[in-house]
Amino acid sequence: MKALLAALVAGVLTLAAPSFAAQAGPAPVAQEKTELIDINRAKAEELMTLKGIGEARAMAVIKGRPYARKDDLVRRKIMPQSVYDGIKDRIVAKQ
């Protein structure tokens, strides 16, 4: 009787294991690394791939070079904070 009960419990646990894994959610997917755009060297075409950057703003970024820090774009009034907030994770200001 004990052997039958043990086998039954083992079978239930084996069947239940996949459902516990399914409830845990999907495995994390590695995020694709995107190349950062250097605001001190990028061409206008590269800058215009950023959200909120059109031809006029790209030219203003180029004209205002060099930048010591990427947040100089806001400090120098090259772009508003709202646009900067949307692109700050995609740009860098290399020296």
N, C-alpha and C. Protein backbone atom coordinates (compact mmCIF):
# COMPACT_ATOMS: atom_id res chain seq x y z
N MET A 1 0.81 -1.19 0.00
CA MET A 1 0.00 0.00 0.00
C MET A 1 0.87 1.26 0.00
N LYS A 2 1.92 1.28 0.83
CA LYS A 2 2.81 2.44 0.89
C LYS A 2 3.52 2.62 -0.45
N ALA A 3 3.90 1.55 -1.10
CA ALA A 3 4.58 1.63 -2.39
C ALA A 3 3.64 2.20 -3.44
N LEU A 4 2.39 1.78 -3.41
CA LEU A 4 1.41 2.30 -4.35
C LEU A 4 1.19 3.79 -4.13
N LEU A 5 1.09 4.21 -2.87
CA LEU A 5 0.91 5.62 -2.54
C LEU A 5 2.11 6.45 -2.98
N ALA A 6 3.32 5.91 -2.76
CA ALA A 6 4.54 6.61 -3.16
C ALA A 6 4.59 6.76 -4.68
N ALA A 7 4.22 5.71 -5.40
CA ALA A 7 4.22 5.76 -6.86
C ALA A 7 3.18 6.77 -7.36
N LEU A 8 2.05 6.80 -6.70
CA LEU A 8 1.00 7.74 -7.08
C LEU A 8 1.45 9.19 -6.86
N VAL A 9 2.06 9.46 -5.73
CA VAL A 9 2.57 10.81 -5.42
C VAL A 9 3.65 11.20 -6.41
N ALA A 10 4.55 10.29 -6.72
CA ALA A 10 5.63 10.57 -7.68
C ALA A 10 5.04 10.88 -9.04
N GLY A 11 4.03 10.14 -9.44
CA GLY A 11 3.39 10.38 -10.73
C GLY A 11 2.71 11.73 -10.79
N VAL A 12 2.03 12.10 -9.72
CA VAL A 12 1.36 13.40 -9.66
C VAL A 12 2.39 14.53 -9.73
N LEU A 13 3.49 14.38 -9.00
CA LEU A 13 4.53 15.42 -9.02
C LEU A 13 5.16 15.54 -10.41
N THR A 14 5.35 14.41 -11.08
CA THR A 14 5.91 14.44 -12.42
C THR A 14 4.97 15.15 -13.38
N LEU A 15 3.70 14.88 -13.27
CA LEU A 15 2.72 15.53 -14.14
C LEU A 15 2.57 17.01 -13.82
N ALA A 16 2.71 17.36 -12.55
CA ALA A 16 2.50 18.74 -12.12
C ALA A 16 3.70 19.63 -12.44
N ALA A 17 4.88 19.05 -12.54
CA ALA A 17 6.10 19.84 -12.74
C ALA A 17 6.03 20.73 -13.97
N PRO A 18 5.59 20.23 -15.13
CA PRO A 18 5.54 21.14 -16.28
C PRO A 18 4.58 22.31 -16.08
N SER A 19 3.49 22.11 -15.37
CA SER A 19 2.56 23.21 -15.18
C SER A 19 3.15 24.28 -14.27
N PHE A 20 3.98 23.89 -13.31
CA PHE A 20 4.65 24.88 -12.48
C PHE A 20 5.62 25.69 -13.32
N ALA A 21 6.34 25.06 -14.22
CA ALA A 21 7.29 25.76 -15.08
C ALA A 21 6.55 26.72 -16.01
N ALA A 22 5.40 26.30 -16.50
CA ALA A 22 4.63 27.15 -17.40
C ALA A 22 4.11 28.39 -16.68
N GLN A 23 3.81 28.26 -15.40
CA GLN A 23 3.30 29.39 -14.64
C GLN A 23 4.40 30.40 -14.34
N ALA A 24 5.64 29.96 -14.36
CA ALA A 24 6.75 30.85 -14.06
C ALA A 24 6.95 31.90 -15.14
N GLY A 25 6.43 31.67 -16.33
CA GLY A 25 6.56 32.64 -17.40
C GLY A 25 7.68 32.27 -18.34
N PRO A 26 7.77 32.96 -19.44
CA PRO A 26 8.79 32.63 -20.43
C PRO A 26 10.18 33.00 -19.94
N ALA A 27 11.15 32.31 -20.47
CA ALA A 27 12.54 32.61 -20.13
C ALA A 27 12.89 33.98 -20.67
N PRO A 28 13.70 34.76 -19.95
CA PRO A 28 14.07 36.08 -20.45
C PRO A 28 14.82 35.98 -21.77
N VAL A 29 14.51 36.88 -22.67
CA VAL A 29 15.16 36.91 -23.97
C VAL A 29 16.24 37.97 -23.92
N ALA A 30 17.41 37.62 -24.41
CA ALA A 30 18.51 38.58 -24.43
C ALA A 30 18.15 39.73 -25.36
N GLN A 31 18.32 40.96 -24.87
CA GLN A 31 18.01 42.11 -25.70
C GLN A 31 19.13 42.35 -26.69
N GLU A 32 18.73 42.72 -27.88
CA GLU A 32 19.70 43.00 -28.92
C GLU A 32 20.41 44.30 -28.57
N LYS A 33 21.73 44.27 -28.61
CA LYS A 33 22.49 45.48 -28.31
C LYS A 33 22.48 46.38 -29.53
N THR A 34 22.13 47.62 -29.31
CA THR A 34 22.14 48.58 -30.40
C THR A 34 23.37 49.46 -30.25
N GLU A 35 23.92 49.82 -31.38
CA GLU A 35 25.11 50.67 -31.40
C GLU A 35 24.72 52.08 -30.97
N LEU A 36 25.49 52.64 -30.05
CA LEU A 36 25.25 54.01 -29.61
C LEU A 36 25.73 54.98 -30.69
N ILE A 37 25.01 56.07 -30.83
CA ILE A 37 25.37 57.09 -31.80
C ILE A 37 26.14 58.19 -31.09
N ASP A 38 27.35 58.45 -31.57
CA ASP A 38 28.21 59.48 -30.99
C ASP A 38 27.81 60.84 -31.55
N ILE A 39 27.27 61.69 -30.68
CA ILE A 39 26.79 63.00 -31.15
C ILE A 39 27.93 63.92 -31.59
N ASN A 40 29.16 63.58 -31.25
CA ASN A 40 30.30 64.39 -31.68
C ASN A 40 30.84 63.98 -33.05
N ARG A 41 30.43 62.82 -33.56
CA ARG A 41 30.97 62.34 -34.83
C ARG A 41 29.91 61.92 -35.86
N ALA A 42 28.69 61.71 -35.44
CA ALA A 42 27.66 61.17 -36.32
C ALA A 42 27.32 62.13 -37.45
N LYS A 43 27.02 61.54 -38.60
CA LYS A 43 26.53 62.32 -39.74
C LYS A 43 25.07 62.64 -39.50
N ALA A 44 24.56 63.60 -40.25
CA ALA A 44 23.16 64.02 -40.11
C ALA A 44 22.22 62.84 -40.32
N GLU A 45 22.51 61.99 -41.28
CA GLU A 45 21.65 60.84 -41.56
C GLU A 45 21.55 59.91 -40.36
N GLU A 46 22.66 59.72 -39.65
CA GLU A 46 22.65 58.86 -38.45
C GLU A 46 21.82 59.50 -37.35
N LEU A 47 22.00 60.79 -37.15
CA LEU A 47 21.25 61.50 -36.11
C LEU A 47 19.75 61.47 -36.40
N MET A 48 19.38 61.53 -37.67
CA MET A 48 17.97 61.55 -38.03
C MET A 48 17.28 60.20 -37.84
N THR A 49 18.05 59.16 -37.53
CA THR A 49 17.42 57.86 -37.21
C THR A 49 16.87 57.86 -35.79
N LEU A 50 17.22 58.88 -35.02
CA LEU A 50 16.74 58.99 -33.64
C LEU A 50 15.36 59.63 -33.61
N LYS A 51 14.53 59.17 -32.70
CA LYS A 51 13.17 59.70 -32.56
C LYS A 51 13.21 61.19 -32.22
N GLY A 52 12.48 61.99 -32.98
CA GLY A 52 12.40 63.42 -32.71
C GLY A 52 13.50 64.25 -33.33
N ILE A 53 14.39 63.61 -34.10
CA ILE A 53 15.48 64.33 -34.74
C ILE A 53 15.23 64.37 -36.24
N GLY A 54 14.94 65.55 -36.74
CA GLY A 54 14.77 65.75 -38.17
C GLY A 54 16.01 66.43 -38.72
N GLU A 55 15.91 66.89 -39.94
CA GLU A 55 17.06 67.51 -40.60
C GLU A 55 17.54 68.75 -39.87
N ALA A 56 16.62 69.63 -39.48
CA ALA A 56 17.01 70.89 -38.81
C ALA A 56 17.68 70.61 -37.46
N ARG A 57 17.12 69.69 -36.69
CA ARG A 57 17.69 69.40 -35.38
C ARG A 57 19.04 68.68 -35.52
N ALA A 58 19.16 67.81 -36.51
CA ALA A 58 20.44 67.13 -36.76
C ALA A 58 21.52 68.15 -37.10
N MET A 59 21.17 69.13 -37.92
CA MET A 59 22.13 70.17 -38.28
C MET A 59 22.50 71.03 -37.06
N ALA A 60 21.54 71.27 -36.18
CA ALA A 60 21.83 72.02 -34.97
C ALA A 60 22.79 71.24 -34.06
N VAL A 61 22.61 69.93 -33.99
CA VAL A 61 23.52 69.09 -33.19
C VAL A 61 24.92 69.17 -33.77
N ILE A 62 25.04 69.06 -35.08
CA ILE A 62 26.35 69.11 -35.73
C ILE A 62 27.00 70.48 -35.53
N LYS A 63 26.23 71.53 -35.69
CA LYS A 63 26.75 72.90 -35.54
C LYS A 63 27.23 73.17 -34.11
N GLY A 64 26.60 72.56 -33.12
CA GLY A 64 26.95 72.82 -31.72
C GLY A 64 28.13 72.02 -31.18
N ARG A 65 28.75 71.20 -32.01
CA ARG A 65 29.87 70.37 -31.56
C ARG A 65 31.06 71.20 -31.16
N PRO A 66 31.89 70.72 -30.27
CA PRO A 66 31.87 69.43 -29.57
C PRO A 66 31.06 69.49 -28.28
N TYR A 67 30.64 68.33 -27.84
CA TYR A 67 29.88 68.19 -26.60
C TYR A 67 30.72 67.40 -25.60
N ALA A 68 30.83 67.92 -24.38
CA ALA A 68 31.56 67.21 -23.34
C ALA A 68 30.71 66.07 -22.78
N ARG A 69 29.41 66.30 -22.72
CA ARG A 69 28.47 65.30 -22.20
C ARG A 69 27.22 65.31 -23.07
N LYS A 70 26.56 64.17 -23.12
CA LYS A 70 25.38 64.11 -23.98
C LYS A 70 24.25 65.02 -23.52
N ASP A 71 24.17 65.31 -22.21
CA ASP A 71 23.11 66.20 -21.74
C ASP A 71 23.38 67.67 -22.08
N ASP A 72 24.53 67.94 -22.70
CA ASP A 72 24.79 69.29 -23.22
C ASP A 72 23.75 69.68 -24.27
N LEU A 73 23.15 68.68 -24.91
CA LEU A 73 22.13 68.96 -25.92
C LEU A 73 20.97 69.75 -25.32
N VAL A 74 20.61 69.45 -24.10
CA VAL A 74 19.53 70.17 -23.43
C VAL A 74 20.06 71.44 -22.80
N ARG A 75 21.19 71.33 -22.14
CA ARG A 75 21.77 72.48 -21.45
C ARG A 75 22.02 73.65 -22.40
N ARG A 76 22.44 73.33 -23.63
CA ARG A 76 22.71 74.36 -24.64
C ARG A 76 21.48 74.69 -25.49
N LYS A 77 20.36 74.10 -25.14
CA LYS A 77 19.10 74.34 -25.84
C LYS A 77 19.13 73.92 -27.31
N ILE A 78 19.85 72.84 -27.60
CA ILE A 78 19.86 72.26 -28.94
C ILE A 78 18.56 71.49 -29.15
N MET A 79 18.03 70.90 -28.08
CA MET A 79 16.77 70.17 -28.14
C MET A 79 16.08 70.25 -26.79
N PRO A 80 14.75 70.09 -26.79
CA PRO A 80 14.02 70.10 -25.51
C PRO A 80 14.25 68.81 -24.72
N GLN A 81 14.00 68.91 -23.44
CA GLN A 81 14.18 67.77 -22.53
C GLN A 81 13.38 66.55 -22.98
N SER A 82 12.18 66.77 -23.48
CA SER A 82 11.32 65.65 -23.88
C SER A 82 11.95 64.83 -25.02
N VAL A 83 12.57 65.48 -25.97
CA VAL A 83 13.24 64.77 -27.07
C VAL A 83 14.47 64.06 -26.53
N TYR A 84 15.24 64.75 -25.71
CA TYR A 84 16.44 64.16 -25.11
C TYR A 84 16.08 62.90 -24.32
N ASP A 85 15.02 62.96 -23.54
CA ASP A 85 14.61 61.81 -22.74
C ASP A 85 14.31 60.60 -23.62
N GLY A 86 13.82 60.83 -24.82
CA GLY A 86 13.50 59.74 -25.72
C GLY A 86 14.71 59.11 -26.40
N ILE A 87 15.85 59.82 -26.43
CA ILE A 87 17.02 59.30 -27.14
C ILE A 87 18.25 59.10 -26.27
N LYS A 88 18.20 59.52 -25.03
CA LYS A 88 19.42 59.52 -24.20
C LYS A 88 20.07 58.15 -24.04
N ASP A 89 19.29 57.08 -24.16
CA ASP A 89 19.86 55.74 -24.03
C ASP A 89 20.47 55.25 -25.33
N ARG A 90 20.34 56.02 -26.40
CA ARG A 90 20.87 55.61 -27.70
C ARG A 90 22.04 56.48 -28.18
N ILE A 91 22.44 57.47 -27.34
CA ILE A 91 23.52 58.37 -27.76
C ILE A 91 24.65 58.38 -26.74
N VAL A 92 25.79 58.87 -27.20
CA VAL A 92 26.96 59.02 -26.35
C VAL A 92 27.73 60.23 -26.87
N ALA A 93 28.52 60.86 -26.00
CA ALA A 93 29.36 61.98 -26.41
C ALA A 93 30.82 61.62 -26.11
N LYS A 94 31.42 60.95 -27.07
CA LYS A 94 32.83 60.55 -26.91
C LYS A 94 33.73 61.74 -27.15
N GLN A 95 34.83 61.76 -26.46
CA GLN A 95 35.78 62.86 -26.60
C GLN A 95 36.86 62.51 -27.60
